[in-house]
Full PDB file with SEQRES, HELIX, SHEET, SSBOND, CRYST1, ORIGX, SCALE, CONECT and MASTER records, all heavy atoms in Angstrom:
SEQRES   1 A   34  GLN GLU ASP LYS ILE TYR VAL PRO ILE ARG SER PHE ALA          
SEQRES   2 A   34  GLN PHE VAL GLY TYR GLU SER TYR SER GLY ASP TYR LYS          
SEQRES   3 A   34  GLN TYR ALA GLU ASP ASN THR LYS                              
HELIX    1 AA1 ILE A    9  ALA A   13  1                                   5    
HELIX    2 AA2 GLN A   14  VAL A   16  5                                   3    
CRYST1    1.000    1.000    1.000  90.00  90.00  90.00 P 1           1          
ORIGX1      1.000000  0.000000  0.000000        0.00000                         
ORIGX2      0.000000  1.000000  0.000000        0.00000                         
ORIGX3      0.000000  0.000000  1.000000        0.00000                         
SCALE1      1.000000  0.000000  0.000000        0.00000                         
SCALE2      0.000000  1.000000  0.000000        0.00000                         
SCALE3      0.000000  0.000000  1.000000        0.00000                         
ATOM      1  N   GLN A   1     -60.911 304.992 123.633  1.00  0.00           N  
ATOM      2  CA  GLN A   1     -61.694 306.172 123.304  1.00  0.00           C  
ATOM      3  C   GLN A   1     -63.042 305.729 122.743  1.00  0.00           C  
ATOM      4  O   GLN A   1     -63.095 304.998 121.758  1.00  0.00           O  
ATOM      5  CB  GLN A   1     -60.968 307.053 122.277  1.00  0.00           C  
ATOM      6  CG  GLN A   1     -59.637 307.610 122.764  1.00  0.00           C  
ATOM      7  CD  GLN A   1     -58.948 308.462 121.707  1.00  0.00           C  
ATOM      8  OE1 GLN A   1     -59.354 308.492 120.554  1.00  0.00           O  
ATOM      9  NE2 GLN A   1     -57.900 309.164 122.116  1.00  0.00           N  
ATOM     10  N   GLU A   2     -64.103 306.184 123.368  1.00  0.00           N  
ATOM     11  CA  GLU A   2     -65.449 305.834 122.921  1.00  0.00           C  
ATOM     12  C   GLU A   2     -65.602 304.318 122.781  1.00  0.00           C  
ATOM     13  O   GLU A   2     -66.102 303.810 121.775  1.00  0.00           O  
ATOM     14  CB  GLU A   2     -65.779 306.530 121.598  1.00  0.00           C  
ATOM     15  CG  GLU A   2     -65.755 308.057 121.707  1.00  0.00           C  
ATOM     16  CD  GLU A   2     -66.045 308.722 120.381  1.00  0.00           C  
ATOM     17  OE1 GLU A   2     -66.162 307.995 119.361  1.00  0.00           O  
ATOM     18  OE2 GLU A   2     -66.169 309.953 120.356  1.00  0.00           O  
ATOM     19  N   ASP A   3     -65.107 303.626 123.789  1.00  0.00           N  
ATOM     20  CA  ASP A   3     -65.205 302.167 123.866  1.00  0.00           C  
ATOM     21  C   ASP A   3     -64.416 301.449 122.770  1.00  0.00           C  
ATOM     22  O   ASP A   3     -64.621 300.259 122.528  1.00  0.00           O  
ATOM     23  CB  ASP A   3     -66.671 301.709 123.823  1.00  0.00           C  
ATOM     24  CG  ASP A   3     -67.472 302.262 124.997  1.00  0.00           C  
ATOM     25  OD1 ASP A   3     -66.881 302.391 126.085  1.00  0.00           O  
ATOM     26  OD2 ASP A   3     -68.663 302.564 124.813  1.00  0.00           O  
ATOM     27  N   LYS A   4     -63.520 302.154 122.101  1.00  0.00           N  
ATOM     28  CA  LYS A   4     -62.628 301.534 121.120  1.00  0.00           C  
ATOM     29  C   LYS A   4     -61.209 301.512 121.670  1.00  0.00           C  
ATOM     30  O   LYS A   4     -60.778 302.463 122.322  1.00  0.00           O  
ATOM     31  CB  LYS A   4     -62.649 302.296 119.789  1.00  0.00           C  
ATOM     32  CG  LYS A   4     -63.934 302.149 119.011  1.00  0.00           C  
ATOM     33  CD  LYS A   4     -63.815 302.861 117.660  1.00  0.00           C  
ATOM     34  CE  LYS A   4     -65.069 302.700 116.837  1.00  0.00           C  
ATOM     35  NZ  LYS A   4     -64.957 303.404 115.533  1.00  0.00           N  
ATOM     36  N   ILE A   5     -60.504 300.441 121.372  1.00  0.00           N  
ATOM     37  CA  ILE A   5     -59.120 300.330 121.820  1.00  0.00           C  
ATOM     38  C   ILE A   5     -58.189 300.706 120.671  1.00  0.00           C  
ATOM     39  O   ILE A   5     -58.344 300.223 119.540  1.00  0.00           O  
ATOM     40  CB  ILE A   5     -58.813 298.901 122.292  1.00  0.00           C  
ATOM     41  CG1 ILE A   5     -59.576 298.602 123.571  1.00  0.00           C  
ATOM     42  CG2 ILE A   5     -57.325 298.695 122.504  1.00  0.00           C  
ATOM     43  CD1 ILE A   5     -59.303 297.241 124.140  1.00  0.00           C  
ATOM     44  N   TYR A   6     -57.222 301.567 120.957  1.00  0.00           N  
ATOM     45  CA  TYR A   6     -56.203 301.940 119.993  1.00  0.00           C  
ATOM     46  C   TYR A   6     -54.844 301.479 120.506  1.00  0.00           C  
ATOM     47  O   TYR A   6     -54.493 301.702 121.666  1.00  0.00           O  
ATOM     48  CB  TYR A   6     -56.209 303.442 119.736  1.00  0.00           C  
ATOM     49  CG  TYR A   6     -57.474 303.894 119.046  1.00  0.00           C  
ATOM     50  CD1 TYR A   6     -58.548 304.395 119.780  1.00  0.00           C  
ATOM     51  CD2 TYR A   6     -57.613 303.789 117.669  1.00  0.00           C  
ATOM     52  CE1 TYR A   6     -59.715 304.797 119.163  1.00  0.00           C  
ATOM     53  CE2 TYR A   6     -58.777 304.187 117.032  1.00  0.00           C  
ATOM     54  CZ  TYR A   6     -59.819 304.685 117.775  1.00  0.00           C  
ATOM     55  OH  TYR A   6     -60.981 305.069 117.155  1.00  0.00           O  
ATOM     56  N   VAL A   7     -54.106 300.832 119.623  1.00  0.00           N  
ATOM     57  CA  VAL A   7     -52.857 300.178 119.993  1.00  0.00           C  
ATOM     58  C   VAL A   7     -51.685 300.961 119.407  1.00  0.00           C  
ATOM     59  O   VAL A   7     -51.614 301.156 118.189  1.00  0.00           O  
ATOM     60  CB  VAL A   7     -52.838 298.734 119.450  1.00  0.00           C  
ATOM     61  CG1 VAL A   7     -51.525 298.049 119.802  1.00  0.00           C  
ATOM     62  CG2 VAL A   7     -54.024 297.948 119.982  1.00  0.00           C  
ATOM     63  N   PRO A   8     -50.746 301.436 120.246  1.00  0.00           N  
ATOM     64  CA  PRO A   8     -49.550 302.099 119.726  1.00  0.00           C  
ATOM     65  C   PRO A   8     -48.641 301.051 119.067  1.00  0.00           C  
ATOM     66  O   PRO A   8     -48.094 300.188 119.742  1.00  0.00           O  
ATOM     67  CB  PRO A   8     -48.908 302.715 120.969  1.00  0.00           C  
ATOM     68  CG  PRO A   8     -49.369 301.842 122.093  1.00  0.00           C  
ATOM     69  CD  PRO A   8     -50.724 301.346 121.713  1.00  0.00           C  
ATOM     70  N   ILE A   9     -48.498 301.145 117.780  1.00  0.00           N  
ATOM     71  CA  ILE A   9     -47.930 300.044 116.999  1.00  0.00           C  
ATOM     72  C   ILE A   9     -46.529 299.670 117.467  1.00  0.00           C  
ATOM     73  O   ILE A   9     -46.248 298.502 117.775  1.00  0.00           O  
ATOM     74  CB  ILE A   9     -47.920 300.412 115.498  1.00  0.00           C  
ATOM     75  CG1 ILE A   9     -49.364 300.643 115.018  1.00  0.00           C  
ATOM     76  CG2 ILE A   9     -47.247 299.310 114.675  1.00  0.00           C  
ATOM     77  CD1 ILE A   9     -49.459 301.314 113.673  1.00  0.00           C  
ATOM     78  N   ARG A  10     -45.642 300.638 117.523  1.00  0.00           N  
ATOM     79  CA  ARG A  10     -44.247 300.316 117.825  1.00  0.00           C  
ATOM     80  C   ARG A  10     -44.068 299.895 119.288  1.00  0.00           C  
ATOM     81  O   ARG A  10     -43.292 298.980 119.583  1.00  0.00           O  
ATOM     82  CB  ARG A  10     -43.358 301.503 117.486  1.00  0.00           C  
ATOM     83  CG  ARG A  10     -43.304 301.841 115.996  1.00  0.00           C  
ATOM     84  CD  ARG A  10     -42.106 302.686 115.661  1.00  0.00           C  
ATOM     85  NE  ARG A  10     -40.867 301.971 115.991  1.00  0.00           N  
ATOM     86  CZ  ARG A  10     -39.669 302.549 116.010  1.00  0.00           C  
ATOM     87  NH1 ARG A  10     -39.549 303.842 115.725  1.00  0.00           N  
ATOM     88  NH2 ARG A  10     -38.595 301.849 116.311  1.00  0.00           N  
ATOM     89  N   SER A  11     -44.773 300.543 120.212  1.00  0.00           N  
ATOM     90  CA  SER A  11     -44.637 300.176 121.624  1.00  0.00           C  
ATOM     91  C   SER A  11     -45.225 298.803 121.891  1.00  0.00           C  
ATOM     92  O   SER A  11     -44.706 298.035 122.702  1.00  0.00           O  
ATOM     93  CB  SER A  11     -45.322 301.223 122.505  1.00  0.00           C  
ATOM     94  OG  SER A  11     -44.737 302.491 122.333  1.00  0.00           O  
ATOM     95  N   PHE A  12     -46.317 298.475 121.208  1.00  0.00           N  
ATOM     96  CA  PHE A  12     -46.988 297.200 121.421  1.00  0.00           C  
ATOM     97  C   PHE A  12     -46.150 296.030 120.921  1.00  0.00           C  
ATOM     98  O   PHE A  12     -46.225 294.917 121.454  1.00  0.00           O  
ATOM     99  CB  PHE A  12     -48.343 297.223 120.702  1.00  0.00           C  
ATOM    100  CG  PHE A  12     -49.154 295.979 120.877  1.00  0.00           C  
ATOM    101  CD1 PHE A  12     -49.863 295.740 122.041  1.00  0.00           C  
ATOM    102  CD2 PHE A  12     -49.211 295.022 119.875  1.00  0.00           C  
ATOM    103  CE1 PHE A  12     -50.620 294.598 122.212  1.00  0.00           C  
ATOM    104  CE2 PHE A  12     -49.968 293.864 120.020  1.00  0.00           C  
ATOM    105  CZ  PHE A  12     -50.672 293.653 121.197  1.00  0.00           C  
ATOM    106  N   ALA A  13     -45.334 296.277 119.887  1.00  0.00           N  
ATOM    107  CA  ALA A  13     -44.596 295.190 119.228  1.00  0.00           C  
ATOM    108  C   ALA A  13     -43.783 294.356 120.214  1.00  0.00           C  
ATOM    109  O   ALA A  13     -43.756 293.121 120.128  1.00  0.00           O  
ATOM    110  CB  ALA A  13     -43.689 295.767 118.140  1.00  0.00           C  
ATOM    111  N   GLN A  14     -43.128 294.995 121.155  1.00  0.00           N  
ATOM    112  CA  GLN A  14     -42.239 294.276 122.061  1.00  0.00           C  
ATOM    113  C   GLN A  14     -42.986 293.298 122.967  1.00  0.00           C  
ATOM    114  O   GLN A  14     -42.423 292.304 123.418  1.00  0.00           O  
ATOM    115  CB  GLN A  14     -41.473 295.274 122.926  1.00  0.00           C  
ATOM    116  CG  GLN A  14     -42.375 296.146 123.798  1.00  0.00           C  
ATOM    117  CD  GLN A  14     -41.623 297.153 124.618  1.00  0.00           C  
ATOM    118  OE1 GLN A  14     -40.686 296.799 125.324  1.00  0.00           O  
ATOM    119  NE2 GLN A  14     -42.016 298.423 124.518  1.00  0.00           N  
ATOM    120  N   PHE A  15     -44.269 293.547 123.198  1.00  0.00           N  
ATOM    121  CA  PHE A  15     -45.041 292.685 124.095  1.00  0.00           C  
ATOM    122  C   PHE A  15     -45.438 291.374 123.426  1.00  0.00           C  
ATOM    123  O   PHE A  15     -45.809 290.416 124.104  1.00  0.00           O  
ATOM    124  CB  PHE A  15     -46.293 293.416 124.581  1.00  0.00           C  
ATOM    125  CG  PHE A  15     -46.008 294.552 125.521  1.00  0.00           C  
ATOM    126  CD1 PHE A  15     -45.933 295.859 125.051  1.00  0.00           C  
ATOM    127  CD2 PHE A  15     -45.803 294.321 126.868  1.00  0.00           C  
ATOM    128  CE1 PHE A  15     -45.677 296.904 125.914  1.00  0.00           C  
ATOM    129  CE2 PHE A  15     -45.534 295.355 127.740  1.00  0.00           C  
ATOM    130  CZ  PHE A  15     -45.466 296.662 127.263  1.00  0.00           C  
ATOM    131  N   VAL A  16     -45.393 291.331 122.088  1.00  0.00           N  
ATOM    132  CA  VAL A  16     -45.842 290.128 121.377  1.00  0.00           C  
ATOM    133  C   VAL A  16     -44.733 289.555 120.489  1.00  0.00           C  
ATOM    134  O   VAL A  16     -44.993 288.823 119.535  1.00  0.00           O  
ATOM    135  CB  VAL A  16     -47.103 290.430 120.540  1.00  0.00           C  
ATOM    136  CG1 VAL A  16     -48.296 290.632 121.439  1.00  0.00           C  
ATOM    137  CG2 VAL A  16     -46.906 291.635 119.627  1.00  0.00           C  
ATOM    138  N   GLY A  17     -43.479 289.902 120.810  1.00  0.00           N  
ATOM    139  CA  GLY A  17     -42.346 289.249 120.157  1.00  0.00           C  
ATOM    140  C   GLY A  17     -41.946 289.810 118.816  1.00  0.00           C  
ATOM    141  O   GLY A  17     -41.361 289.094 117.991  1.00  0.00           O  
ATOM    142  N   TYR A  18     -42.213 291.093 118.558  1.00  0.00           N  
ATOM    143  CA  TYR A  18     -41.856 291.727 117.294  1.00  0.00           C  
ATOM    144  C   TYR A  18     -40.846 292.850 117.521  1.00  0.00           C  
ATOM    145  O   TYR A  18     -40.823 293.484 118.575  1.00  0.00           O  
ATOM    146  CB  TYR A  18     -43.084 292.317 116.608  1.00  0.00           C  
ATOM    147  CG  TYR A  18     -43.909 291.320 115.825  1.00  0.00           C  
ATOM    148  CD1 TYR A  18     -44.612 290.308 116.477  1.00  0.00           C  
ATOM    149  CD2 TYR A  18     -43.998 291.390 114.444  1.00  0.00           C  
ATOM    150  CE1 TYR A  18     -45.383 289.389 115.773  1.00  0.00           C  
ATOM    151  CE2 TYR A  18     -44.756 290.478 113.723  1.00  0.00           C  
ATOM    152  CZ  TYR A  18     -45.447 289.481 114.393  1.00  0.00           C  
ATOM    153  OH  TYR A  18     -46.199 288.566 113.685  1.00  0.00           O  
ATOM    154  N   GLU A  19     -40.023 293.100 116.488  1.00  0.00           N  
ATOM    155  CA  GLU A  19     -39.195 294.293 116.440  1.00  0.00           C  
ATOM    156  C   GLU A  19     -39.955 295.366 115.671  1.00  0.00           C  
ATOM    157  O   GLU A  19     -40.814 295.054 114.842  1.00  0.00           O  
ATOM    158  CB  GLU A  19     -37.859 294.006 115.742  1.00  0.00           C  
ATOM    159  CG  GLU A  19     -37.013 292.938 116.413  1.00  0.00           C  
ATOM    160  CD  GLU A  19     -36.445 293.396 117.741  1.00  0.00           C  
ATOM    161  OE1 GLU A  19     -36.293 294.623 117.919  1.00  0.00           O  
ATOM    162  OE2 GLU A  19     -36.163 292.540 118.592  1.00  0.00           O  
ATOM    163  N   SER A  20     -39.649 296.636 115.907  1.00  0.00           N  
ATOM    164  CA  SER A  20     -40.352 297.710 115.203  1.00  0.00           C  
ATOM    165  C   SER A  20     -39.361 298.747 114.694  1.00  0.00           C  
ATOM    166  O   SER A  20     -38.299 298.969 115.296  1.00  0.00           O  
ATOM    167  CB  SER A  20     -41.370 298.381 116.132  1.00  0.00           C  
ATOM    168  OG  SER A  20     -40.713 299.093 117.169  1.00  0.00           O  
ATOM    169  N   TYR A  21     -39.730 299.389 113.576  1.00  0.00           N  
ATOM    170  CA  TYR A  21     -38.857 300.360 112.919  1.00  0.00           C  
ATOM    171  C   TYR A  21     -39.705 301.481 112.335  1.00  0.00           C  
ATOM    172  O   TYR A  21     -40.826 301.259 111.886  1.00  0.00           O  
ATOM    173  CB  TYR A  21     -38.054 299.699 111.787  1.00  0.00           C  
ATOM    174  CG  TYR A  21     -37.291 298.478 112.223  1.00  0.00           C  
ATOM    175  CD1 TYR A  21     -37.878 297.216 112.174  1.00  0.00           C  
ATOM    176  CD2 TYR A  21     -35.978 298.576 112.695  1.00  0.00           C  
ATOM    177  CE1 TYR A  21     -37.184 296.085 112.575  1.00  0.00           C  
ATOM    178  CE2 TYR A  21     -35.279 297.450 113.098  1.00  0.00           C  
ATOM    179  CZ  TYR A  21     -35.889 296.208 113.044  1.00  0.00           C  
ATOM    180  OH  TYR A  21     -35.209 295.082 113.443  1.00  0.00           O  
ATOM    181  N   SER A  22     -39.150 302.696 112.326  1.00  0.00           N  
ATOM    182  CA  SER A  22     -39.843 303.808 111.689  1.00  0.00           C  
ATOM    183  C   SER A  22     -39.568 303.796 110.192  1.00  0.00           C  
ATOM    184  O   SER A  22     -38.626 303.154 109.721  1.00  0.00           O  
ATOM    185  CB  SER A  22     -39.379 305.144 112.287  1.00  0.00           C  
ATOM    186  OG  SER A  22     -37.998 305.351 112.022  1.00  0.00           O  
ATOM    187  N   GLY A  23     -40.395 304.507 109.443  1.00  0.00           N  
ATOM    188  CA  GLY A  23     -40.244 304.535 107.993  1.00  0.00           C  
ATOM    189  C   GLY A  23     -40.828 303.298 107.341  1.00  0.00           C  
ATOM    190  O   GLY A  23     -41.500 302.485 107.979  1.00  0.00           O  
ATOM    191  N   ASP A  24     -40.572 303.163 106.040  1.00  0.00           N  
ATOM    192  CA  ASP A  24     -41.063 302.013 105.290  1.00  0.00           C  
ATOM    193  C   ASP A  24     -39.933 301.028 105.067  1.00  0.00           C  
ATOM    194  O   ASP A  24     -38.750 301.390 105.082  1.00  0.00           O  
ATOM    195  CB  ASP A  24     -41.639 302.468 103.949  1.00  0.00           C  
ATOM    196  CG  ASP A  24     -42.733 301.545 103.443  1.00  0.00           C  
ATOM    197  OD1 ASP A  24     -42.858 300.427 103.998  1.00  0.00           O  
ATOM    198  OD2 ASP A  24     -43.442 301.923 102.505  1.00  0.00           O  
ATOM    199  N   TYR A  25     -40.281 299.785 104.825  1.00  0.00           N  
ATOM    200  CA  TYR A  25     -39.293 298.722 104.641  1.00  0.00           C  
ATOM    201  C   TYR A  25     -38.418 299.014 103.429  1.00  0.00           C  
ATOM    202  O   TYR A  25     -38.904 299.362 102.365  1.00  0.00           O  
ATOM    203  CB  TYR A  25     -40.010 297.392 104.468  1.00  0.00           C  
ATOM    204  CG  TYR A  25     -39.099 296.195 104.290  1.00  0.00           C  
ATOM    205  CD1 TYR A  25     -38.161 295.884 105.260  1.00  0.00           C  
ATOM    206  CD2 TYR A  25     -39.199 295.381 103.166  1.00  0.00           C  
ATOM    207  CE1 TYR A  25     -37.323 294.790 105.121  1.00  0.00           C  
ATOM    208  CE2 TYR A  25     -38.380 294.277 103.017  1.00  0.00           C  
ATOM    209  CZ  TYR A  25     -37.443 293.983 103.987  1.00  0.00           C  
ATOM    210  OH  TYR A  25     -36.611 292.900 103.849  1.00  0.00           O  
ATOM    211  N   LYS A  26     -37.118 298.919 103.615  1.00  0.00           N  
ATOM    212  CA  LYS A  26     -36.102 299.168 102.586  1.00  0.00           C  
ATOM    213  C   LYS A  26     -36.061 300.625 102.121  1.00  0.00           C  
ATOM    214  O   LYS A  26     -35.429 300.939 101.124  1.00  0.00           O  
ATOM    215  CB  LYS A  26     -36.289 298.242 101.382  1.00  0.00           C  
ATOM    216  CG  LYS A  26     -35.938 296.786 101.667  1.00  0.00           C  
ATOM    217  CD  LYS A  26     -35.936 295.961 100.401  1.00  0.00           C  
ATOM    218  CE  LYS A  26     -35.493 294.531 100.698  1.00  0.00           C  
ATOM    219  NZ  LYS A  26     -35.488 293.682  99.473  1.00  0.00           N  
ATOM    220  N   GLN A  27     -36.754 301.510 102.829  1.00  0.00           N  
ATOM    221  CA  GLN A  27     -36.659 302.939 102.555  1.00  0.00           C  
ATOM    222  C   GLN A  27     -35.951 303.571 103.746  1.00  0.00           C  
ATOM    223  O   GLN A  27     -36.528 303.710 104.817  1.00  0.00           O  
ATOM    224  CB  GLN A  27     -38.039 303.548 102.358  1.00  0.00           C  
ATOM    225  CG  GLN A  27     -38.832 302.922 101.226  1.00  0.00           C  
ATOM    226  CD  GLN A  27     -38.183 303.126  99.883  1.00  0.00           C  
ATOM    227  OE1 GLN A  27     -37.963 304.251  99.437  1.00  0.00           O  
ATOM    228  NE2 GLN A  27     -37.876 302.031  99.206  1.00  0.00           N  
ATOM    229  N   TYR A  28     -34.699 303.918 103.551  1.00  0.00           N  
ATOM    230  CA  TYR A  28     -33.857 304.290 104.682  1.00  0.00           C  
ATOM    231  C   TYR A  28     -34.002 305.776 105.013  1.00  0.00           C  
ATOM    232  O   TYR A  28     -33.112 306.592 104.802  1.00  0.00           O  
ATOM    233  CB  TYR A  28     -32.409 303.906 104.394  1.00  0.00           C  
ATOM    234  CG  TYR A  28     -32.263 302.419 104.185  1.00  0.00           C  
ATOM    235  CD1 TYR A  28     -32.156 301.878 102.902  1.00  0.00           C  
ATOM    236  CD2 TYR A  28     -32.305 301.539 105.257  1.00  0.00           C  
ATOM    237  CE1 TYR A  28     -32.062 300.507 102.715  1.00  0.00           C  
ATOM    238  CE2 TYR A  28     -32.222 300.171 105.072  1.00  0.00           C  
ATOM    239  CZ  TYR A  28     -32.097 299.662 103.795  1.00  0.00           C  
ATOM    240  OH  TYR A  28     -32.014 298.311 103.607  1.00  0.00           O  
ATOM    241  N   ALA A  29     -35.201 306.111 105.510  1.00  0.00           N  
ATOM    242  CA  ALA A  29     -35.496 307.461 105.961  1.00  0.00           C  
ATOM    243  C   ALA A  29     -36.347 307.349 107.221  1.00  0.00           C  
ATOM    244  O   ALA A  29     -37.216 306.486 107.310  1.00  0.00           O  
ATOM    245  CB  ALA A  29     -36.237 308.248 104.875  1.00  0.00           C  
ATOM    246  N   GLU A  30     -36.088 308.202 108.190  1.00  0.00           N  
ATOM    247  CA  GLU A  30     -36.818 308.164 109.457  1.00  0.00           C  
ATOM    248  C   GLU A  30     -38.127 308.935 109.306  1.00  0.00           C  
ATOM    249  O   GLU A  30     -38.275 310.063 109.754  1.00  0.00           O  
ATOM    250  CB  GLU A  30     -35.955 308.739 110.579  1.00  0.00           C  
ATOM    251  CG  GLU A  30     -34.685 307.959 110.844  1.00  0.00           C  
ATOM    252  CD  GLU A  30     -34.967 306.507 111.238  1.00  0.00           C  
ATOM    253  OE1 GLU A  30     -35.877 306.276 112.056  1.00  0.00           O  
ATOM    254  OE2 GLU A  30     -34.270 305.612 110.707  1.00  0.00           O  
ATOM    255  N   ASP A  31     -39.093 308.325 108.653  1.00  0.00           N  
ATOM    256  CA  ASP A  31     -40.392 308.934 108.390  1.00  0.00           C  
ATOM    257  C   ASP A  31     -41.364 308.485 109.467  1.00  0.00           C  
ATOM    258  O   ASP A  31     -41.760 307.328 109.512  1.00  0.00           O  
ATOM    259  CB  ASP A  31     -40.873 308.501 106.999  1.00  0.00           C  
ATOM    260  CG  ASP A  31     -42.183 309.158 106.596  1.00  0.00           C  
ATOM    261  OD1 ASP A  31     -42.787 309.832 107.457  1.00  0.00           O  
ATOM    262  OD2 ASP A  31     -42.590 309.003 105.434  1.00  0.00           O  
ATOM    263  N   ASN A  32     -41.769 309.422 110.333  1.00  0.00           N  
ATOM    264  CA  ASN A  32     -42.622 309.023 111.467  1.00  0.00           C  
ATOM    265  C   ASN A  32     -44.084 308.830 111.073  1.00  0.00           C  
ATOM    266  O   ASN A  32     -44.905 308.472 111.903  1.00  0.00           O  
ATOM    267  CB  ASN A  32     -42.510 310.021 112.612  1.00  0.00           C  
ATOM    268  CG  ASN A  32     -43.087 311.387 112.260  1.00  0.00           C  
ATOM    269  OD1 ASN A  32     -43.417 311.650 111.117  1.00  0.00           O  
ATOM    270  ND2 ASN A  32     -43.178 312.261 113.247  1.00  0.00           N  
ATOM    271  N   THR A  33     -44.418 309.053 109.795  1.00  0.00           N  
ATOM    272  CA  THR A  33     -45.782 308.764 109.339  1.00  0.00           C  
ATOM    273  C   THR A  33     -45.918 307.318 108.867  1.00  0.00           C  
ATOM    274  O   THR A  33     -47.016 306.900 108.483  1.00  0.00           O  
ATOM    275  CB  THR A  33     -46.190 309.698 108.185  1.00  0.00           C  
ATOM    276  OG1 THR A  33     -45.385 309.418 107.025  1.00  0.00           O  
ATOM    277  CG2 THR A  33     -46.016 311.148 108.585  1.00  0.00           C  
ATOM    278  N   LYS A  34     -44.829 306.563 108.906  1.00  0.00           N  
ATOM    279  CA  LYS A  34     -44.851 305.164 108.494  1.00  0.00           C  
ATOM    280  C   LYS A  34     -44.042 304.349 109.498  1.00  0.00           C  
ATOM    281  O   LYS A  34     -43.130 304.865 110.140  1.00  0.00           O  
ATOM    282  CB  LYS A  34     -44.244 304.980 107.098  1.00  0.00           C  
ATOM    283  CG  LYS A  34     -44.925 305.797 106.011  1.00  0.00           C  
ATOM    284  CD  LYS A  34     -44.178 305.670 104.692  1.00  0.00           C  
ATOM    285  CE  LYS A  34     -44.807 306.547 103.626  1.00  0.00           C  
ATOM    286  NZ  LYS A  34     -44.070 306.491 102.345  1.00  0.00           N  
TER     287      LYS A  34                                                      
MASTER        0    0    0    2    0    0    0    6  286    1    0    3          
END                                                                             
């Protein structure tokens, strides 16, 4: 967008060898803002 690249964090993770999770670390709630 406007010559800037935006990376979807969780989808991108698998391409570079990372696992991804919703929520905050050690906070066991499915919070899609984190």
